[in-house]
N, C-alpha and C. Protein backbone atom coordinates (compact mmCIF):
# COMPACT_ATOMS: atom_id res chain seq x y z
N MET A 1 96.79 127.54 76.81
CA MET A 1 98.23 127.51 76.79
C MET A 1 98.83 128.58 77.70
N THR A 2 98.25 129.78 77.69
CA THR A 2 98.75 130.87 78.52
C THR A 2 98.52 130.55 79.99
N ARG A 3 97.38 129.95 80.30
CA ARG A 3 97.07 129.59 81.69
C ARG A 3 98.06 128.54 82.19
N LYS A 4 98.44 127.59 81.33
CA LYS A 4 99.39 126.55 81.72
C LYS A 4 100.76 127.17 82.00
N LYS A 5 101.20 128.11 81.17
CA LYS A 5 102.47 128.78 81.40
C LYS A 5 102.44 129.59 82.70
N PHE A 6 101.29 130.21 82.96
CA PHE A 6 101.15 130.99 84.18
C PHE A 6 101.26 130.08 85.41
N CYS A 7 100.61 128.93 85.39
CA CYS A 7 100.67 127.99 86.51
C CYS A 7 102.09 127.45 86.71
N ILE A 8 102.75 127.12 85.64
CA ILE A 8 104.14 126.64 85.74
C ILE A 8 105.03 127.75 86.28
N GLY A 9 104.83 128.97 85.83
CA GLY A 9 105.60 130.11 86.33
C GLY A 9 105.37 130.33 87.83
N CYS A 10 104.12 130.21 88.29
CA CYS A 10 103.81 130.38 89.71
C CYS A 10 104.47 129.28 90.55
N ILE A 11 104.41 128.05 90.07
CA ILE A 11 105.04 126.94 90.78
C ILE A 11 106.55 127.14 90.85
N LEU A 12 107.15 127.53 89.74
CA LEU A 12 108.59 127.77 89.71
C LEU A 12 108.98 128.92 90.65
N LEU A 13 108.21 130.00 90.61
CA LEU A 13 108.48 131.13 91.49
C LEU A 13 108.31 130.75 92.96
N SER A 14 107.30 129.95 93.27
CA SER A 14 107.10 129.48 94.64
C SER A 14 108.26 128.61 95.09
N PHE A 15 108.73 127.74 94.23
CA PHE A 15 109.86 126.88 94.56
C PHE A 15 111.11 127.70 94.84
N ILE A 16 111.39 128.67 93.98
CA ILE A 16 112.56 129.55 94.18
C ILE A 16 112.42 130.31 95.49
N PHE A 17 111.24 130.82 95.79
CA PHE A 17 111.00 131.56 97.02
C PHE A 17 111.25 130.68 98.25
N ILE A 18 110.74 129.46 98.24
CA ILE A 18 110.91 128.54 99.37
C ILE A 18 112.37 128.16 99.54
N VAL A 19 113.06 127.88 98.46
CA VAL A 19 114.48 127.53 98.54
C VAL A 19 115.28 128.71 99.09
N THR A 20 114.95 129.92 98.66
CA THR A 20 115.65 131.11 99.14
C THR A 20 115.44 131.32 100.63
N ILE A 21 114.22 131.11 101.11
CA ILE A 21 113.91 131.30 102.52
C ILE A 21 114.69 130.30 103.39
N PHE A 22 114.72 129.05 102.98
CA PHE A 22 115.33 128.02 103.81
C PHE A 22 116.84 127.84 103.58
N THR A 23 117.42 128.64 102.75
CA THR A 23 118.86 128.52 102.50
C THR A 23 119.66 128.81 103.76
N GLY A 24 119.27 129.82 104.54
CA GLY A 24 120.01 130.20 105.73
C GLY A 24 119.68 129.37 106.96
N CYS A 25 118.64 128.57 106.93
CA CYS A 25 118.24 127.79 108.10
C CYS A 25 119.18 126.62 108.32
N GLY A 26 119.54 126.39 109.57
CA GLY A 26 120.33 125.23 109.92
C GLY A 26 121.80 125.34 109.62
N GLY A 27 122.25 126.53 109.27
CA GLY A 27 123.67 126.71 109.00
C GLY A 27 124.48 126.66 110.28
N LYS A 28 125.69 126.14 110.19
CA LYS A 28 126.56 126.06 111.36
C LYS A 28 127.54 127.22 111.32
N LYS A 29 127.86 127.72 112.51
CA LYS A 29 128.85 128.78 112.59
C LYS A 29 130.23 128.18 112.41
N ASP A 30 131.06 128.92 111.71
CA ASP A 30 132.42 128.45 111.47
C ASP A 30 133.30 128.57 112.71
N SER A 31 133.08 129.60 113.50
CA SER A 31 133.94 129.82 114.66
C SER A 31 133.09 129.95 115.92
N LYS A 32 133.69 129.60 117.03
CA LYS A 32 133.03 129.70 118.32
C LYS A 32 133.49 130.94 119.08
N ALA A 33 134.13 131.87 118.40
CA ALA A 33 134.65 133.07 119.05
C ALA A 33 133.50 133.95 119.53
N LEU A 34 133.67 134.49 120.72
CA LEU A 34 132.67 135.39 121.28
C LEU A 34 132.87 136.80 120.74
N VAL A 35 131.77 137.49 120.50
CA VAL A 35 131.81 138.89 120.12
C VAL A 35 131.69 139.70 121.41
N THR A 36 132.64 140.58 121.66
CA THR A 36 132.61 141.38 122.88
C THR A 36 131.86 142.68 122.64
N VAL A 37 130.87 142.92 123.49
CA VAL A 37 130.08 144.15 123.44
C VAL A 37 130.37 144.92 124.72
N LYS A 38 130.90 146.14 124.57
CA LYS A 38 131.15 146.99 125.72
C LYS A 38 129.89 147.78 126.00
N LEU A 39 129.30 147.56 127.18
CA LEU A 39 128.04 148.18 127.53
C LEU A 39 128.27 149.09 128.73
N ASN A 40 127.95 150.36 128.57
CA ASN A 40 128.14 151.35 129.63
C ASN A 40 126.76 151.82 130.08
N GLU A 41 126.42 151.54 131.33
CA GLU A 41 125.13 151.98 131.86
C GLU A 41 125.35 153.16 132.79
N VAL A 42 124.32 153.99 132.95
CA VAL A 42 124.43 155.19 133.75
C VAL A 42 124.66 154.85 135.22
N ALA A 43 123.82 154.00 135.75
CA ALA A 43 123.92 153.60 137.16
C ALA A 43 123.30 152.22 137.31
N ARG A 44 123.71 151.50 138.35
CA ARG A 44 123.08 150.21 138.63
C ARG A 44 121.65 150.47 139.04
N SER A 45 120.73 149.76 138.45
CA SER A 45 119.32 150.00 138.71
C SER A 45 118.54 148.70 138.62
N VAL A 46 117.44 148.64 139.36
CA VAL A 46 116.58 147.47 139.32
C VAL A 46 115.92 147.31 137.94
N PHE A 47 115.86 148.40 137.19
CA PHE A 47 115.26 148.35 135.85
C PHE A 47 116.07 147.47 134.90
N TYR A 48 117.34 147.29 135.18
CA TYR A 48 118.21 146.46 134.35
C TYR A 48 118.34 145.04 134.89
N ALA A 49 117.49 144.67 135.86
CA ALA A 49 117.59 143.34 136.48
C ALA A 49 117.54 142.19 135.48
N PRO A 50 116.67 142.20 134.49
CA PRO A 50 116.68 141.09 133.53
C PRO A 50 118.02 140.94 132.81
N MET A 51 118.67 142.07 132.51
CA MET A 51 119.97 142.00 131.85
C MET A 51 121.01 141.41 132.80
N TYR A 52 120.99 141.81 134.09
CA TYR A 52 121.94 141.26 135.06
C TYR A 52 121.76 139.76 135.21
N VAL A 53 120.51 139.30 135.26
CA VAL A 53 120.25 137.87 135.39
C VAL A 53 120.77 137.12 134.16
N ALA A 54 120.52 137.68 132.98
CA ALA A 54 120.98 137.04 131.74
C ALA A 54 122.50 136.96 131.69
N ILE A 55 123.18 138.02 132.15
CA ILE A 55 124.65 138.01 132.16
C ILE A 55 125.15 136.96 133.13
N ASN A 56 124.58 136.92 134.34
CA ASN A 56 125.05 135.98 135.37
C ASN A 56 124.74 134.53 135.03
N LYS A 57 123.66 134.28 134.31
CA LYS A 57 123.32 132.90 133.94
C LYS A 57 124.02 132.47 132.65
N GLY A 58 124.76 133.36 132.02
CA GLY A 58 125.50 133.01 130.82
C GLY A 58 124.67 132.94 129.56
N MET A 59 123.51 133.58 129.56
CA MET A 59 122.63 133.52 128.39
C MET A 59 123.23 134.24 127.18
N PHE A 60 123.95 135.32 127.43
CA PHE A 60 124.59 136.03 126.32
C PHE A 60 125.71 135.19 125.72
N LYS A 61 126.48 134.53 126.57
CA LYS A 61 127.60 133.71 126.08
C LYS A 61 127.09 132.52 125.27
N GLU A 62 125.91 132.00 125.62
CA GLU A 62 125.32 130.92 124.83
C GLU A 62 125.04 131.38 123.40
N GLN A 63 124.76 132.67 123.24
CA GLN A 63 124.46 133.22 121.92
C GLN A 63 125.69 133.81 121.23
N GLY A 64 126.87 133.65 121.88
CA GLY A 64 128.10 134.11 121.26
C GLY A 64 128.44 135.56 121.56
N ILE A 65 127.87 136.11 122.66
CA ILE A 65 128.10 137.52 123.01
C ILE A 65 128.75 137.59 124.38
N ASN A 66 129.87 138.28 124.47
CA ASN A 66 130.52 138.54 125.75
C ASN A 66 130.23 139.99 126.13
N ILE A 67 129.59 140.22 127.27
CA ILE A 67 129.22 141.56 127.71
C ILE A 67 130.30 142.10 128.64
N ASP A 68 130.86 143.25 128.27
CA ASP A 68 131.81 143.98 129.12
C ASP A 68 131.03 145.15 129.72
N LEU A 69 130.51 144.96 130.94
CA LEU A 69 129.60 145.91 131.57
C LEU A 69 130.37 146.88 132.46
N THR A 70 130.17 148.19 132.22
CA THR A 70 130.75 149.21 133.07
C THR A 70 129.65 150.19 133.47
N THR A 71 129.86 150.86 134.60
CA THR A 71 128.90 151.84 135.09
C THR A 71 129.48 153.22 134.87
N GLY A 72 128.67 154.10 134.25
CA GLY A 72 129.15 155.43 133.89
C GLY A 72 129.04 156.48 134.98
N GLN A 73 128.41 156.18 136.11
CA GLN A 73 128.27 157.11 137.23
C GLN A 73 127.52 158.38 136.83
N GLY A 74 126.40 158.22 136.16
CA GLY A 74 125.58 159.36 135.77
C GLY A 74 125.62 159.61 134.28
N ALA A 75 124.58 160.26 133.75
CA ALA A 75 124.46 160.47 132.31
C ALA A 75 125.57 161.36 131.77
N GLU A 76 125.89 162.43 132.47
CA GLU A 76 126.93 163.35 131.97
C GLU A 76 128.29 162.67 131.96
N ALA A 77 128.59 161.90 133.00
CA ALA A 77 129.87 161.20 133.04
C ALA A 77 129.94 160.13 131.95
N ALA A 78 128.82 159.46 131.70
CA ALA A 78 128.80 158.42 130.67
C ALA A 78 129.02 159.02 129.29
N ILE A 79 128.40 160.17 129.02
CA ILE A 79 128.55 160.81 127.72
C ILE A 79 129.98 161.32 127.54
N SER A 80 130.54 161.96 128.57
CA SER A 80 131.90 162.46 128.44
C SER A 80 132.91 161.32 128.31
N LYS A 81 132.65 160.20 129.02
CA LYS A 81 133.54 159.03 128.90
C LYS A 81 133.47 158.48 127.48
N HIS A 82 132.27 158.46 126.92
CA HIS A 82 132.12 157.94 125.56
C HIS A 82 132.81 158.84 124.55
N LYS A 83 132.70 160.14 124.73
CA LYS A 83 133.33 161.07 123.80
C LYS A 83 134.84 160.96 123.85
N LYS A 84 135.39 160.71 125.05
CA LYS A 84 136.84 160.60 125.19
C LYS A 84 137.36 159.28 124.64
N ALA A 85 136.71 158.17 125.01
CA ALA A 85 137.25 156.85 124.69
C ALA A 85 136.81 156.35 123.32
N GLN A 86 135.58 156.60 122.93
CA GLN A 86 135.00 156.09 121.69
C GLN A 86 135.07 154.56 121.60
N SER A 87 135.28 153.89 122.73
CA SER A 87 135.36 152.44 122.70
C SER A 87 134.06 151.80 123.19
N VAL A 88 133.20 152.58 123.80
CA VAL A 88 131.94 152.05 124.29
C VAL A 88 130.95 152.07 123.13
N LYS A 89 130.44 150.91 122.77
CA LYS A 89 129.57 150.79 121.61
C LYS A 89 128.09 151.01 121.95
N LEU A 90 127.71 150.80 123.21
CA LEU A 90 126.31 150.88 123.59
C LEU A 90 126.21 151.52 124.95
N ARG A 91 125.43 152.60 125.05
CA ARG A 91 125.24 153.27 126.34
C ARG A 91 123.77 153.19 126.71
N LEU A 92 123.47 152.86 127.94
CA LEU A 92 122.10 152.87 128.44
C LEU A 92 121.96 154.10 129.32
N LEU A 93 121.18 155.06 128.88
CA LEU A 93 120.99 156.29 129.63
C LEU A 93 119.57 156.30 130.17
N ASN A 94 119.44 156.33 131.47
CA ASN A 94 118.14 156.37 132.11
C ASN A 94 117.97 157.74 132.74
N THR A 95 117.30 158.66 132.03
CA THR A 95 117.16 160.02 132.51
C THR A 95 115.95 160.18 133.42
N SER A 96 114.99 159.30 133.32
CA SER A 96 113.85 159.33 134.22
C SER A 96 113.34 157.90 134.36
N ILE A 97 112.39 157.71 135.24
CA ILE A 97 111.88 156.36 135.50
C ILE A 97 111.19 155.78 134.28
N THR A 98 110.52 156.63 133.49
CA THR A 98 109.75 156.14 132.36
C THR A 98 110.50 156.22 131.04
N SER A 99 111.70 156.75 131.02
CA SER A 99 112.40 156.96 129.76
C SER A 99 113.71 156.21 129.73
N ASN A 100 113.77 155.09 129.01
CA ASN A 100 115.02 154.37 128.78
C ASN A 100 115.44 154.62 127.35
N LYS A 101 116.65 155.12 127.17
CA LYS A 101 117.14 155.45 125.85
C LYS A 101 118.38 154.64 125.55
N ILE A 102 118.48 154.13 124.36
CA ILE A 102 119.65 153.37 123.94
C ILE A 102 120.28 154.13 122.79
N TYR A 103 121.55 154.48 122.94
CA TYR A 103 122.30 155.18 121.91
C TYR A 103 123.38 154.28 121.38
N LEU A 104 123.49 154.17 120.07
CA LEU A 104 124.54 153.37 119.45
C LEU A 104 125.58 154.28 118.87
């Protein structure tokens, strides 16, 4: 009797788990509004080429993201601009060739 209850409990728990996982799948978005992300990069660089290609081909807009790209003219200028404006949500600071840092 205990083994039967255990099996029924496992099946019920598995069913609840599967239903919970697939609840969010296939949902439709209510609005088609784009989310604007202000992105401030230190300088134009070949290291950001994949991002430039994605922006130009509209890949971000397909996912509902509008990129507002600005160049900060150096790390110090980008940081001071961010401190003054507080409107830039994402800064890409490239201090060396091997170090890419993202600050939110």
